PDB file of N, CA and C in Angstrom:
ATOM      1  N   MET A   1     -15.861  92.435  71.119  1.00  0.00           N
ATOM      2  CA  MET A   1     -15.758  92.077  69.710  1.00  0.00           C
ATOM      3  C   MET A   1     -14.575  91.141  69.481  1.00  0.00           C
ATOM      4  N   ASP A   2     -13.509  91.377  70.204  1.00  0.00           N
ATOM      5  CA  ASP A   2     -12.313  90.537  70.066  1.00  0.00           C
ATOM      6  C   ASP A   2     -12.618  89.095  70.485  1.00  0.00           C
ATOM      7  N   THR A   3     -13.454  88.937  71.510  1.00  0.00           N
ATOM      8  CA  THR A   3     -13.823  87.595  71.961  1.00  0.00           C
ATOM      9  C   THR A   3     -14.601  86.856  70.887  1.00  0.00           C
ATOM     10  N   ILE A   4     -15.487  87.549  70.208  1.00  0.00           N
ATOM     11  CA  ILE A   4     -16.275  86.934  69.138  1.00  0.00           C
ATOM     12  C   ILE A   4     -15.362  86.489  67.997  1.00  0.00           C
ATOM     13  N   VAL A   5     -14.412  87.342  67.639  1.00  0.00           N
ATOM     14  CA  VAL A   5     -13.486  87.009  66.556  1.00  0.00           C
ATOM     15  C   VAL A   5     -12.633  85.803  66.947  1.00  0.00           C
ATOM     16  N   ARG A   6     -12.135  85.780  68.171  1.00  0.00           N
ATOM     17  CA  ARG A   6     -11.319  84.645  68.616  1.00  0.00           C
ATOM     18  C   ARG A   6     -12.139  83.356  68.664  1.00  0.00           C
ATOM     19  N   GLY A   7     -13.384  83.468  69.104  1.00  0.00           N
ATOM     20  CA  GLY A   7     -14.247  82.291  69.126  1.00  0.00           C
ATOM     21  C   GLY A   7     -14.508  81.766  67.728  1.00  0.00           C
ATOM     22  N   TYR A   8     -14.733  82.683  66.782  1.00  0.00           N
ATOM     23  CA  TYR A   8     -14.957  82.271  65.395  1.00  0.00           C
ATOM     24  C   TYR A   8     -13.706  81.615  64.813  1.00  0.00           C
ATOM     25  N   GLN A   9     -12.543  82.174  65.126  1.00  0.00           N
ATOM     26  CA  GLN A   9     -11.291  81.595  64.637  1.00  0.00           C
ATOM     27  C   GLN A   9     -11.084  80.199  65.210  1.00  0.00           C
ATOM     28  N   GLY A  10     -11.450  79.999  66.481  1.00  0.00           N
ATOM     29  CA  GLY A  10     -11.325  78.690  67.102  1.00  0.00           C
ATOM     30  C   GLY A  10     -12.255  77.676  66.450  1.00  0.00           C
ATOM     31  N   LEU A  11     -13.501  78.086  66.180  1.00  0.00           N
ATOM     32  CA  LEU A  11     -14.443  77.191  65.510  1.00  0.00           C
ATOM     33  C   LEU A  11     -13.986  76.878  64.094  1.00  0.00           C
ATOM     34  N   HIS A  12     -13.436  77.872  63.429  1.00  0.00           N
ATOM     35  CA  HIS A  12     -12.948  77.658  62.068  1.00  0.00           C
ATOM     36  C   HIS A  12     -11.780  76.672  62.060  1.00  0.00           C
ATOM     37  N   LEU A  13     -10.913  76.770  63.052  1.00  0.00           N
ATOM     38  CA  LEU A  13      -9.793  75.830  63.158  1.00  0.00           C
ATOM     39  C   LEU A  13     -10.311  74.409  63.397  1.00  0.00           C
ATOM     40  N   LEU A  14     -11.297  74.265  64.288  1.00  0.00           N
ATOM     41  CA  LEU A  14     -11.880  72.945  64.525  1.00  0.00           C
ATOM     42  C   LEU A  14     -12.517  72.396  63.261  1.00  0.00           C
ATOM     43  N   TRP A  15     -13.202  73.256  62.503  1.00  0.00           N
ATOM     44  CA  TRP A  15     -13.815  72.812  61.252  1.00  0.00           C
ATOM     45  C   TRP A  15     -12.743  72.366  60.265  1.00  0.00           C
ATOM     46  N   ASP A  16     -11.661  73.117  60.163  1.00  0.00           N
ATOM     47  CA  ASP A  16     -10.578  72.747  59.244  1.00  0.00           C
ATOM     48  C   ASP A  16      -9.959  71.402  59.620  1.00  0.00           C
ATOM     49  N   LEU A  17      -9.869  71.126  60.904  1.00  0.00           N
ATOM     50  CA  LEU A  17      -9.248  69.879  61.340  1.00  0.00           C
ATOM     51  C   LEU A  17     -10.194  68.686  61.223  1.00  0.00           C
ATOM     52  N   ASN A  18     -11.500  68.915  61.316  1.00  0.00           N
ATOM     53  CA  ASN A  18     -12.444  67.805  61.439  1.00  0.00           C
ATOM     54  C   ASN A  18     -13.459  67.733  60.309  1.00  0.00           C
ATOM     55  N   TRP A  19     -13.276  68.447  59.208  1.00  0.00           N
ATOM     56  CA  TRP A  19     -14.296  68.430  58.155  1.00  0.00           C
ATOM     57  C   TRP A  19     -14.427  67.051  57.528  1.00  0.00           C
ATOM     58  N   ASP A  20     -13.340  66.290  57.482  1.00  0.00           N
ATOM     59  CA  ASP A  20     -13.410  64.952  56.898  1.00  0.00           C
ATOM     60  C   ASP A  20     -14.234  64.013  57.766  1.00  0.00           C
ATOM     61  N   ARG A  21     -14.188  64.187  59.076  1.00  0.00           N
ATOM     62  CA  ARG A  21     -15.011  63.360  59.962  1.00  0.00           C
ATOM     63  C   ARG A  21     -16.483  63.701  59.803  1.00  0.00           C
ATOM     64  N   VAL A  22     -16.787  64.970  59.628  1.00  0.00           N
ATOM     65  CA  VAL A  22     -18.179  65.371  59.396  1.00  0.00           C
ATOM     66  C   VAL A  22     -18.677  64.769  58.090  1.00  0.00           C
ATOM     67  N   LEU A  23     -17.851  64.812  57.060  1.00  0.00           N
ATOM     68  CA  LEU A  23     -18.221  64.225  55.774  1.00  0.00           C
ATOM     69  C   LEU A  23     -18.412  62.719  55.905  1.00  0.00           C
ATOM     70  N   TYR A  24     -17.574  62.057  56.661  1.00  0.00           N
ATOM     71  CA  TYR A  24     -17.664  60.619  56.888  1.00  0.00           C
ATOM     72  C   TYR A  24     -18.990  60.272  57.577  1.00  0.00           C
ATOM     73  N   LEU A  25     -19.336  61.001  58.629  1.00  0.00           N
ATOM     74  CA  LEU A  25     -20.587  60.743  59.330  1.00  0.00           C
ATOM     75  C   LEU A  25     -21.794  61.044  58.445  1.00  0.00           C
ATOM     76  N   ALA A  26     -21.724  62.110  57.659  1.00  0.00           N
ATOM     77  CA  ALA A  26     -22.827  62.440  56.756  1.00  0.00           C
ATOM     78  C   ALA A  26     -23.005  61.360  55.702  1.00  0.00           C
ATOM     79  N   THR A  27     -21.916  60.820  55.176  1.00  0.00           N
ATOM     80  CA  THR A  27     -21.986  59.761  54.176  1.00  0.00           C
ATOM     81  C   THR A  27     -22.628  58.511  54.759  1.00  0.00           C
ATOM     82  N   ILE A  28     -22.238  58.130  55.963  1.00  0.00           N
ATOM     83  CA  ILE A  28     -22.830  56.955  56.606  1.00  0.00           C
ATOM     84  C   ILE A  28     -24.316  57.175  56.861  1.00  0.00           C
ATOM     85  N   THR A  29     -24.684  58.358  57.317  1.00  0.00           N
ATOM     86  CA  THR A  29     -26.085  58.657  57.584  1.00  0.00           C
ATOM     87  C   THR A  29     -26.918  58.581  56.315  1.00  0.00           C
ATOM     88  N   VAL A  30     -26.428  59.179  55.239  1.00  0.00           N
ATOM     89  CA  VAL A  30     -27.155  59.131  53.966  1.00  0.00           C
ATOM     90  C   VAL A  30     -27.258  57.692  53.464  1.00  0.00           C
ATOM     91  N   ALA A  31     -26.197  56.916  53.602  1.00  0.00           N
ATOM     92  CA  ALA A  31     -26.225  55.522  53.155  1.00  0.00           C
ATOM     93  C   ALA A  31     -27.239  54.713  53.959  1.00  0.00           C
ATOM     94  N   LEU A  32     -27.322  54.935  55.265  1.00  0.00           N
ATOM     95  CA  LEU A  32     -28.294  54.216  56.083  1.00  0.00           C
ATOM     96  C   LEU A  32     -29.726  54.579  55.699  1.00  0.00           C
ATOM     97  N   PHE A  33     -29.982  55.856  55.493  1.00  0.00           N
ATOM     98  CA  PHE A  33     -31.322  56.266  55.073  1.00  0.00           C
ATOM     99  C   PHE A  33     -31.662  55.733  53.691  1.00  0.00           C
ATOM    100  N   ALA A  34     -30.704  55.772  52.778  1.00  0.00           N
ATOM    101  CA  ALA A  34     -30.951  55.248  51.427  1.00  0.00           C
ATOM    102  C   ALA A  34     -31.194  53.746  51.474  1.00  0.00           C
ATOM    103  N   GLY A  35     -30.446  53.020  52.280  1.00  0.00           N
ATOM    104  CA  GLY A  35     -30.656  51.585  52.421  1.00  0.00           C
ATOM    105  C   GLY A  35     -32.006  51.271  53.029  1.00  0.00           C
ATOM    106  N   GLY A  36     -32.400  52.030  54.021  1.00  0.00           N
ATOM    107  CA  GLY A  36     -33.724  51.845  54.624  1.00  0.00           C
ATOM    108  C   GLY A  36     -34.838  52.136  53.643  1.00  0.00           C
ATOM    109  N   TRP A  37     -34.674  53.174  52.862  1.00  0.00           N
ATOM    110  CA  TRP A  37     -35.689  53.522  51.882  1.00  0.00           C
ATOM    111  C   TRP A  37     -35.781  52.443  50.786  1.00  0.00           C
ATOM    112  N   LEU A  38     -34.631  52.008  50.294  1.00  0.00           N
ATOM    113  CA  LEU A  38     -34.643  50.947  49.276  1.00  0.00           C
ATOM    114  C   LEU A  38     -35.238  49.654  49.816  1.00  0.00           C
ATOM    115  N   GLY A  39     -34.922  49.328  51.058  1.00  0.00           N
ATOM    116  CA  GLY A  39     -35.482  48.142  51.681  1.00  0.00           C
ATOM    117  C   GLY A  39     -36.990  48.216  51.810  1.00  0.00           C
ATOM    118  N   SER A  40     -37.514  49.388  52.126  1.00  0.00           N
ATOM    119  CA  SER A  40     -38.966  49.518  52.264  1.00  0.00           C
ATOM    120  C   SER A  40     -39.661  49.529  50.903  1.00  0.00           C
ATOM    121  N   VAL A  41     -38.988  50.007  49.868  1.00  0.00           N
ATOM    122  CA  VAL A  41     -39.589  50.037  48.536  1.00  0.00           C
ATOM    123  C   VAL A  41     -39.571  48.640  47.902  1.00  0.00           C
ATOM    124  N   LEU A  42     -38.499  47.913  48.083  1.00  0.00           N
ATOM    125  CA  LEU A  42     -38.352  46.616  47.413  1.00  0.00           C
ATOM    126  C   LEU A  42     -39.052  45.480  48.157  1.00  0.00           C
ATOM    127  N   LEU A  43     -39.289  45.649  49.462  1.00  0.00           N
ATOM    128  CA  LEU A  43     -39.919  44.559  50.217  1.00  0.00           C
ATOM    129  C   LEU A  43     -41.372  44.790  50.452  1.00  0.00           C
TER     130      LEU A  43
END
């Protein structure tokens, strides 16, 4: 059980340090899909 708790704490620390990078990648992905969709609708 202690190993599971330590693993969760480690993942939580990584999430705290890198959440802005995840948000950055998600924003770029959504923008690319939105641009592709708009391009297919308008052309």
